[in-house]
PDB file of N, CA and C in Angstrom:
ATOM      1  N   UNK A   1     -11.271  -8.881   2.465  1.00  0.00           N
ATOM      2  CA  UNK A   1     -11.951  -8.105   3.496  1.00  0.00           C
ATOM      3  C   UNK A   1     -11.254  -6.761   3.649  1.00  0.00           C
ATOM      4  N   UNK A   2     -12.010  -5.729   3.807  1.00  0.00           N
ATOM      5  CA  UNK A   2     -11.473  -4.380   3.938  1.00  0.00           C
ATOM      6  C   UNK A   2     -10.668  -4.234   5.225  1.00  0.00           C
ATOM      7  N   UNK A   3      -9.607  -3.436   5.132  1.00  0.00           N
ATOM      8  CA  UNK A   3      -8.810  -3.133   6.308  1.00  0.00           C
ATOM      9  C   UNK A   3      -9.457  -1.967   7.051  1.00  0.00           C
ATOM     10  N   UNK A   4      -9.341  -1.975   8.353  1.00  0.00           N
ATOM     11  CA  UNK A   4      -9.865  -0.879   9.152  1.00  0.00           C
ATOM     12  C   UNK A   4      -8.757   0.144   9.370  1.00  0.00           C
ATOM     13  N   UNK A   5      -9.055   1.409   9.129  1.00  0.00           N
ATOM     14  CA  UNK A   5      -8.058   2.464   9.321  1.00  0.00           C
ATOM     15  C   UNK A   5      -7.865   2.826  10.794  1.00  0.00           C
ATOM     16  N   UNK A   6      -8.674   2.315  11.660  1.00  0.00           N
ATOM     17  CA  UNK A   6      -8.642   2.678  13.070  1.00  0.00           C
ATOM     18  C   UNK A   6      -7.325   2.399  13.773  1.00  0.00           C
ATOM     19  N   UNK A   7      -7.370   1.557  14.743  1.00  0.00           N
ATOM     20  CA  UNK A   7      -6.227   1.276  15.609  1.00  0.00           C
ATOM     21  C   UNK A   7      -5.018   0.758  14.836  1.00  0.00           C
ATOM     22  N   UNK A   8      -5.263  -0.065  13.844  1.00  0.00           N
ATOM     23  CA  UNK A   8      -4.172  -0.627  13.047  1.00  0.00           C
ATOM     24  C   UNK A   8      -3.293   0.474  12.463  1.00  0.00           C
ATOM     25  N   UNK A   9      -3.904   1.489  11.865  1.00  0.00           N
ATOM     26  CA  UNK A   9      -3.149   2.561  11.231  1.00  0.00           C
ATOM     27  C   UNK A   9      -2.562   3.536  12.245  1.00  0.00           C
ATOM     28  N   UNK A  10      -3.149   3.638  13.422  1.00  0.00           N
ATOM     29  CA  UNK A  10      -2.616   4.529  14.449  1.00  0.00           C
ATOM     30  C   UNK A  10      -1.342   3.996  15.073  1.00  0.00           C
ATOM     31  N   UNK A  11      -1.243   2.679  15.190  1.00  0.00           N
ATOM     32  CA  UNK A  11      -0.151   2.078  15.960  1.00  0.00           C
ATOM     33  C   UNK A  11       0.902   1.350  15.133  1.00  0.00           C
ATOM     34  N   UNK A  12       0.672   1.178  13.831  1.00  0.00           N
ATOM     35  CA  UNK A  12       1.570   0.346  13.033  1.00  0.00           C
ATOM     36  C   UNK A  12       1.811   0.917  11.648  1.00  0.00           C
ATOM     37  N   UNK A  13       2.968   0.566  11.092  1.00  0.00           N
ATOM     38  CA  UNK A  13       3.154   0.742   9.661  1.00  0.00           C
ATOM     39  C   UNK A  13       2.324  -0.349   9.008  1.00  0.00           C
ATOM     40  N   UNK A  14       1.664  -0.019   7.914  1.00  0.00           N
ATOM     41  CA  UNK A  14       0.780  -0.977   7.243  1.00  0.00           C
ATOM     42  C   UNK A  14       1.199  -1.079   5.780  1.00  0.00           C
ATOM     43  N   UNK A  15       1.245  -2.310   5.294  1.00  0.00           N
ATOM     44  CA  UNK A  15       1.628  -2.581   3.918  1.00  0.00           C
ATOM     45  C   UNK A  15       0.460  -3.278   3.238  1.00  0.00           C
ATOM     46  N   UNK A  16       0.074  -2.775   2.072  1.00  0.00           N
ATOM     47  CA  UNK A  16      -1.112  -3.281   1.376  1.00  0.00           C
ATOM     48  C   UNK A  16      -0.746  -3.655  -0.052  1.00  0.00           C
ATOM     49  N   UNK A  17      -1.207  -4.805  -0.479  1.00  0.00           N
ATOM     50  CA  UNK A  17      -1.059  -5.245  -1.865  1.00  0.00           C
ATOM     51  C   UNK A  17      -2.438  -5.230  -2.508  1.00  0.00           C
ATOM     52  N   UNK A  18      -2.553  -4.506  -3.606  1.00  0.00           N
ATOM     53  CA  UNK A  18      -3.805  -4.447  -4.366  1.00  0.00           C
ATOM     54  C   UNK A  18      -3.499  -5.010  -5.746  1.00  0.00           C
ATOM     55  N   UNK A  19      -3.576  -6.318  -5.865  1.00  0.00           N
ATOM     56  CA  UNK A  19      -3.139  -7.003  -7.082  1.00  0.00           C
ATOM     57  C   UNK A  19      -3.982  -6.639  -8.304  1.00  0.00           C
ATOM     58  N   UNK A  20      -5.235  -6.297  -8.110  1.00  0.00           N
ATOM     59  CA  UNK A  20      -6.099  -5.931  -9.239  1.00  0.00           C
ATOM     60  C   UNK A  20      -5.504  -4.779 -10.038  1.00  0.00           C
ATOM     61  N   UNK A  21      -4.878  -3.835  -9.353  1.00  0.00           N
ATOM     62  CA  UNK A  21      -4.270  -2.668 -10.005  1.00  0.00           C
ATOM     63  C   UNK A  21      -2.741  -2.740 -10.025  1.00  0.00           C
ATOM     64  N   UNK A  22      -2.177  -3.877  -9.592  1.00  0.00           N
ATOM     65  CA  UNK A  22      -0.728  -4.093  -9.569  1.00  0.00           C
ATOM     66  C   UNK A  22      -0.001  -2.964  -8.834  1.00  0.00           C
ATOM     67  N   UNK A  23      -0.429  -2.740  -7.597  1.00  0.00           N
ATOM     68  CA  UNK A  23       0.137  -1.657  -6.807  1.00  0.00           C
ATOM     69  C   UNK A  23       0.218  -2.075  -5.337  1.00  0.00           C
ATOM     70  N   UNK A  24       1.195  -1.524  -4.649  1.00  0.00           N
ATOM     71  CA  UNK A  24       1.349  -1.736  -3.207  1.00  0.00           C
ATOM     72  C   UNK A  24       1.447  -0.368  -2.534  1.00  0.00           C
ATOM     73  N   UNK A  25       1.007  -0.323  -1.300  1.00  0.00           N
ATOM     74  CA  UNK A  25       1.081   0.917  -0.529  1.00  0.00           C
ATOM     75  C   UNK A  25       1.756   0.653   0.809  1.00  0.00           C
ATOM     76  N   UNK A  26       2.440   1.694   1.291  1.00  0.00           N
ATOM     77  CA  UNK A  26       3.051   1.655   2.624  1.00  0.00           C
ATOM     78  C   UNK A  26       2.543   2.859   3.413  1.00  0.00           C
ATOM     79  N   UNK A  27       1.924   2.575   4.538  1.00  0.00           N
ATOM     80  CA  UNK A  27       1.471   3.619   5.462  1.00  0.00           C
ATOM     81  C   UNK A  27       2.516   3.731   6.556  1.00  0.00           C
ATOM     82  N   UNK A  28       3.113   4.913   6.698  1.00  0.00           N
ATOM     83  CA  UNK A  28       4.091   5.178   7.757  1.00  0.00           C
ATOM     84  C   UNK A  28       3.349   5.857   8.898  1.00  0.00           C
ATOM     85  N   UNK A  29       3.131   5.116   9.982  1.00  0.00           N
ATOM     86  CA  UNK A  29       2.293   5.652  11.062  1.00  0.00           C
ATOM     87  C   UNK A  29       2.965   6.771  11.840  1.00  0.00           C
ATOM     88  N   UNK A  30       4.292   6.857  11.826  1.00  0.00           N
ATOM     89  CA  UNK A  30       4.969   7.945  12.535  1.00  0.00           C
ATOM     90  C   UNK A  30       4.806   9.277  11.805  1.00  0.00           C
ATOM     91  N   UNK A  31       5.017   9.266  10.502  1.00  0.00           N
ATOM     92  CA  UNK A  31       4.910  10.502   9.728  1.00  0.00           C
ATOM     93  C   UNK A  31       3.497  10.739   9.196  1.00  0.00           C
ATOM     94  N   UNK A  32       2.645   9.689   9.301  1.00  0.00           N
ATOM     95  CA  UNK A  32       1.265   9.756   8.790  1.00  0.00           C
ATOM     96  C   UNK A  32       1.242  10.008   7.276  1.00  0.00           C
ATOM     97  N   UNK A  33       2.168   9.342   6.564  1.00  0.00           N
ATOM     98  CA  UNK A  33       2.260   9.501   5.113  1.00  0.00           C
ATOM     99  C   UNK A  33       2.102   8.158   4.422  1.00  0.00           C
ATOM    100  N   UNK A  34       1.652   8.226   3.174  1.00  0.00           N
ATOM    101  CA  UNK A  34       1.387   7.041   2.364  1.00  0.00           C
ATOM    102  C   UNK A  34       2.334   7.062   1.170  1.00  0.00           C
ATOM    103  N   UNK A  35       2.961   5.932   0.913  1.00  0.00           N
ATOM    104  CA  UNK A  35       3.855   5.802  -0.232  1.00  0.00           C
ATOM    105  C   UNK A  35       3.348   4.687  -1.125  1.00  0.00           C
ATOM    106  N   UNK A  36       3.593   4.831  -2.423  1.00  0.00           N
ATOM    107  CA  UNK A  36       3.082   3.877  -3.402  1.00  0.00           C
ATOM    108  C   UNK A  36       4.238   3.212  -4.135  1.00  0.00           C
ATOM    109  N   UNK A  37       4.007   1.966  -4.502  1.00  0.00           N
ATOM    110  CA  UNK A  37       4.997   1.177  -5.237  1.00  0.00           C
ATOM    111  C   UNK A  37       4.231   0.324  -6.246  1.00  0.00           C
ATOM    112  N   UNK A  38       4.326   0.690  -7.519  1.00  0.00           N
ATOM    113  CA  UNK A  38       3.672  -0.102  -8.555  1.00  0.00           C
ATOM    114  C   UNK A  38       4.523  -1.327  -8.851  1.00  0.00           C
ATOM    115  N   UNK A  39       3.878  -2.411  -9.210  1.00  0.00           N
ATOM    116  CA  UNK A  39       4.593  -3.642  -9.536  1.00  0.00           C
ATOM    117  C   UNK A  39       5.692  -3.340 -10.557  1.00  0.00           C
ATOM    118  N   UNK A  40       6.869  -3.893 -10.311  1.00  0.00           N
ATOM    119  CA  UNK A  40       7.985  -3.726 -11.226  1.00  0.00           C
ATOM    120  C   UNK A  40       8.737  -2.417 -11.073  1.00  0.00           C
ATOM    121  N   UNK A  41       8.340  -1.578 -10.127  1.00  0.00           N
ATOM    122  CA  UNK A  41       8.976  -0.274  -9.918  1.00  0.00           C
ATOM    123  C   UNK A  41       9.381  -0.093  -8.462  1.00  0.00           C
ATOM    124  N   UNK A  42      10.233   0.894  -8.233  1.00  0.00           N
ATOM    125  CA  UNK A  42      10.618   1.263  -6.868  1.00  0.00           C
ATOM    126  C   UNK A  42       9.529   2.135  -6.244  1.00  0.00           C
ATOM    127  N   UNK A  43       9.576   2.249  -4.936  1.00  0.00           N
ATOM    128  CA  UNK A  43       8.638   3.116  -4.230  1.00  0.00           C
ATOM    129  C   UNK A  43       8.878   4.567  -4.632  1.00  0.00           C
ATOM    130  N   UNK A  44       7.794   5.308  -4.782  1.00  0.00           N
ATOM    131  CA  UNK A  44       7.911   6.727  -5.092  1.00  0.00           C
ATOM    132  C   UNK A  44       8.425   7.491  -3.872  1.00  0.00           C
ATOM    133  N   UNK A  45       9.157   8.565  -4.113  1.00  0.00           N
ATOM    134  CA  UNK A  45       9.687   9.350  -2.999  1.00  0.00           C
ATOM    135  C   UNK A  45       8.670  10.354  -2.478  1.00  0.00           C
ATOM    136  N   UNK A  46       7.699  10.692  -3.303  1.00  0.00           N
ATOM    137  CA  UNK A  46       6.674  11.672  -2.918  1.00  0.00           C
ATOM    138  C   UNK A  46       5.452  10.941  -2.363  1.00  0.00           C
ATOM    139  N   UNK A  47       4.999  11.308  -1.164  1.00  0.00           N
ATOM    140  CA  UNK A  47       3.804  10.665  -0.600  1.00  0.00           C
ATOM    141  C   UNK A  47       2.555  10.965  -1.422  1.00  0.00           C
ATOM    142  N   UNK A  48       1.590  10.072  -1.336  1.00  0.00           N
ATOM    143  CA  UNK A  48       0.301  10.293  -2.001  1.00  0.00           C
ATOM    144  C   UNK A  48      -0.683  10.868  -0.980  1.00  0.00           C
ATOM    145  N   UNK A  49      -1.674  11.621  -1.429  1.00  0.00           N
ATOM    146  CA  UNK A  49      -2.655  12.203  -0.509  1.00  0.00           C
ATOM    147  C   UNK A  49      -3.522  11.130   0.149  1.00  0.00           C
ATOM    148  N   UNK A  50      -4.012  11.434   1.322  1.00  0.00           N
ATOM    149  CA  UNK A  50      -4.865  10.505   2.067  1.00  0.00           C
ATOM    150  C   UNK A  50      -6.166  10.197   1.338  1.00  0.00           C
ATOM    151  N   UNK A  51      -6.619  11.110   0.507  1.00  0.00           N
ATOM    152  CA  UNK A  51      -7.884  10.894  -0.199  1.00  0.00           C
ATOM    153  C   UNK A  51      -7.679  10.292  -1.596  1.00  0.00           C
ATOM    154  N   UNK A  52      -6.479   9.799  -1.874  1.00  0.00           N
ATOM    155  CA  UNK A  52      -6.188   9.168  -3.158  1.00  0.00           C
ATOM    156  C   UNK A  52      -7.120   7.982  -3.373  1.00  0.00           C
ATOM    157  N   UNK A  53      -7.848   8.007  -4.479  1.00  0.00           N
ATOM    158  CA  UNK A  53      -8.864   6.972  -4.720  1.00  0.00           C
ATOM    159  C   UNK A  53      -8.269   5.577  -4.811  1.00  0.00           C
ATOM    160  N   UNK A  54      -7.152   5.426  -5.491  1.00  0.00           N
ATOM    161  CA  UNK A  54      -6.539   4.108  -5.629  1.00  0.00           C
ATOM    162  C   UNK A  54      -6.094   3.570  -4.269  1.00  0.00           C
ATOM    163  N   UNK A  55      -5.563   4.431  -3.422  1.00  0.00           N
ATOM    164  CA  UNK A  55      -5.184   4.005  -2.073  1.00  0.00           C
ATOM    165  C   UNK A  55      -6.409   3.532  -1.296  1.00  0.00           C
ATOM    166  N   UNK A  56      -7.474   4.277  -1.369  1.00  0.00           N
ATOM    167  CA  UNK A  56      -8.681   3.887  -0.644  1.00  0.00           C
ATOM    168  C   UNK A  56      -9.320   2.626  -1.218  1.00  0.00           C
ATOM    169  N   UNK A  57      -9.221   2.424  -2.522  1.00  0.00           N
ATOM    170  CA  UNK A  57      -9.665   1.151  -3.113  1.00  0.00           C
ATOM    171  C   UNK A  57      -8.798   0.001  -2.590  1.00  0.00           C
ATOM    172  N   UNK A  58      -7.493   0.253  -2.464  1.00  0.00           N
ATOM    173  CA  UNK A  58      -6.594  -0.778  -1.949  1.00  0.00           C
ATOM    174  C   UNK A  58      -6.961  -1.167  -0.523  1.00  0.00           C
ATOM    175  N   UNK A  59      -7.347  -0.200   0.285  1.00  0.00           N
ATOM    176  CA  UNK A  59      -7.779  -0.501   1.652  1.00  0.00           C
ATOM    177  C   UNK A  59      -9.031  -1.378   1.617  1.00  0.00           C
ATOM    178  N   UNK A  60      -9.947  -1.062   0.724  1.00  0.00           N
ATOM    179  CA  UNK A  60     -11.201  -1.813   0.645  1.00  0.00           C
ATOM    180  C   UNK A  60     -11.039  -3.207   0.045  1.00  0.00           C
ATOM    181  N   UNK A  61     -10.212  -3.311  -1.003  1.00  0.00           N
ATOM    182  CA  UNK A  61     -10.177  -4.555  -1.774  1.00  0.00           C
ATOM    183  C   UNK A  61      -8.826  -5.273  -1.769  1.00  0.00           C
ATOM    184  N   UNK A  62      -7.800  -4.637  -1.228  1.00  0.00           N
ATOM    185  CA  UNK A  62      -6.479  -5.256  -1.191  1.00  0.00           C
ATOM    186  C   UNK A  62      -6.300  -6.118   0.042  1.00  0.00           C
ATOM    187  N   UNK A  63      -5.083  -6.595   0.215  1.00  0.00           N
ATOM    188  CA  UNK A  63      -4.787  -7.404   1.395  1.00  0.00           C
ATOM    189  C   UNK A  63      -3.542  -6.885   2.089  1.00  0.00           C
ATOM    190  N   UNK A  64      -3.544  -7.005   3.398  1.00  0.00           N
ATOM    191  CA  UNK A  64      -2.393  -6.589   4.176  1.00  0.00           C
ATOM    192  C   UNK A  64      -1.269  -7.591   3.956  1.00  0.00           C
ATOM    193  N   UNK A  65      -0.057  -7.066   3.759  1.00  0.00           N
ATOM    194  CA  UNK A  65       1.113  -7.906   3.569  1.00  0.00           C
ATOM    195  C   UNK A  65       2.190  -7.492   4.560  1.00  0.00           C
ATOM    196  N   UNK A  66       3.283  -8.230   4.585  1.00  0.00           N
ATOM    197  CA  UNK A  66       4.384  -7.932   5.503  1.00  0.00           C
ATOM    198  C   UNK A  66       5.356  -6.929   4.877  1.00  0.00           C
ATOM    199  N   UNK A  67       6.202  -6.370   5.709  1.00  0.00           N
ATOM    200  CA  UNK A  67       7.267  -5.486   5.244  1.00  0.00           C
ATOM    201  C   UNK A  67       8.130  -6.221   4.218  1.00  0.00           C
ATOM    202  N   UNK A  68       8.462  -7.458   4.510  1.00  0.00           N
ATOM    203  CA  UNK A  68       9.314  -8.239   3.612  1.00  0.00           C
ATOM    204  C   UNK A  68       8.674  -8.400   2.235  1.00  0.00           C
ATOM    205  N   UNK A  69       7.383  -8.706   2.198  1.00  0.00           N
ATOM    206  CA  UNK A  69       6.688  -8.845   0.916  1.00  0.00           C
ATOM    207  C   UNK A  69       6.686  -7.521   0.156  1.00  0.00           C
ATOM    208  N   UNK A  70       6.490  -6.443   0.885  1.00  0.00           N
ATOM    209  CA  UNK A  70       6.489  -5.124   0.259  1.00  0.00           C
ATOM    210  C   UNK A  70       7.862  -4.817  -0.330  1.00  0.00           C
ATOM    211  N   UNK A  71       8.913  -5.063   0.450  1.00  0.00           N
ATOM    212  CA  UNK A  71      10.265  -4.767  -0.016  1.00  0.00           C
ATOM    213  C   UNK A  71      10.641  -5.584  -1.248  1.00  0.00           C
ATOM    214  N   UNK A  72      10.239  -6.847  -1.280  1.00  0.00           N
ATOM    215  CA  UNK A  72      10.527  -7.711  -2.428  1.00  0.00           C
ATOM    216  C   UNK A  72       9.772  -7.216  -3.655  1.00  0.00           C
ATOM    217  N   UNK A  73       8.531  -6.801  -3.457  1.00  0.00           N
ATOM    218  CA  UNK A  73       7.702  -6.328  -4.560  1.00  0.00           C
ATOM    219  C   UNK A  73       7.218  -7.463  -5.438  1.00  0.00           C
ATOM    220  N   UNK A  74       6.609  -7.093  -6.532  1.00  0.00           N
ATOM    221  CA  UNK A  74       6.087  -8.070  -7.487  1.00  0.00           C
ATOM    222  C   UNK A  74       6.360  -7.563  -8.895  1.00  0.00           C
ATOM    223  N   UNK A  75       6.497  -8.513  -9.817  1.00  0.00           N
ATOM    224  CA  UNK A  75       6.678  -8.161 -11.217  1.00  0.00           C
ATOM    225  C   UNK A  75       5.317  -7.881 -11.842  1.00  0.00           C
ATOM    226  N   UNK A  76       5.300  -7.033 -12.834  1.00  0.00           N
ATOM    227  CA  UNK A  76       4.059  -6.756 -13.570  1.00  0.00           C
ATOM    228  C   UNK A  76       3.653  -7.985 -14.346  1.00  0.00           C
ATOM    229  N   UNK A  77       2.372  -8.174 -14.481  1.00  0.00           N
ATOM    230  CA  UNK A  77       1.852  -9.292 -15.283  1.00  0.00           C
ATOM    231  C   UNK A  77       2.131  -8.996 -16.755  1.00  0.00           C
ATOM    232  N   UNK A  78       2.483  -9.993 -17.466  1.00  0.00           N
ATOM    233  CA  UNK A  78       2.738  -9.823 -18.911  1.00  0.00           C
ATOM    234  C   UNK A  78       1.472 -10.135 -19.667  1.00  0.00           C
ATOM    235  N   UNK A  79       1.125  -9.262 -20.573  1.00  0.00           N
ATOM    236  CA  UNK A  79      -0.088  -9.454 -21.372  1.00  0.00           C
ATOM    237  C   UNK A  79       0.235 -10.020 -22.725  1.00  0.00           C
TER     238      UNK A  79
END
């Protein structure tokens, strides 16, 4: 189910896992910035734009996760 950007994003940090693309996002509600963390990698230091298509797909098709899950991360799937 899609996440709502409304009250949730205004009042909380939000962590999203989008397993289809092996990516996680962190929304920092204080700074209003979005950070990305691909599976198997550390979080990027540069924020991504609000209109980033992959981020918006993650909101629509990903799932909200906890800070702990985000910090632990996930390994990339082996093909």
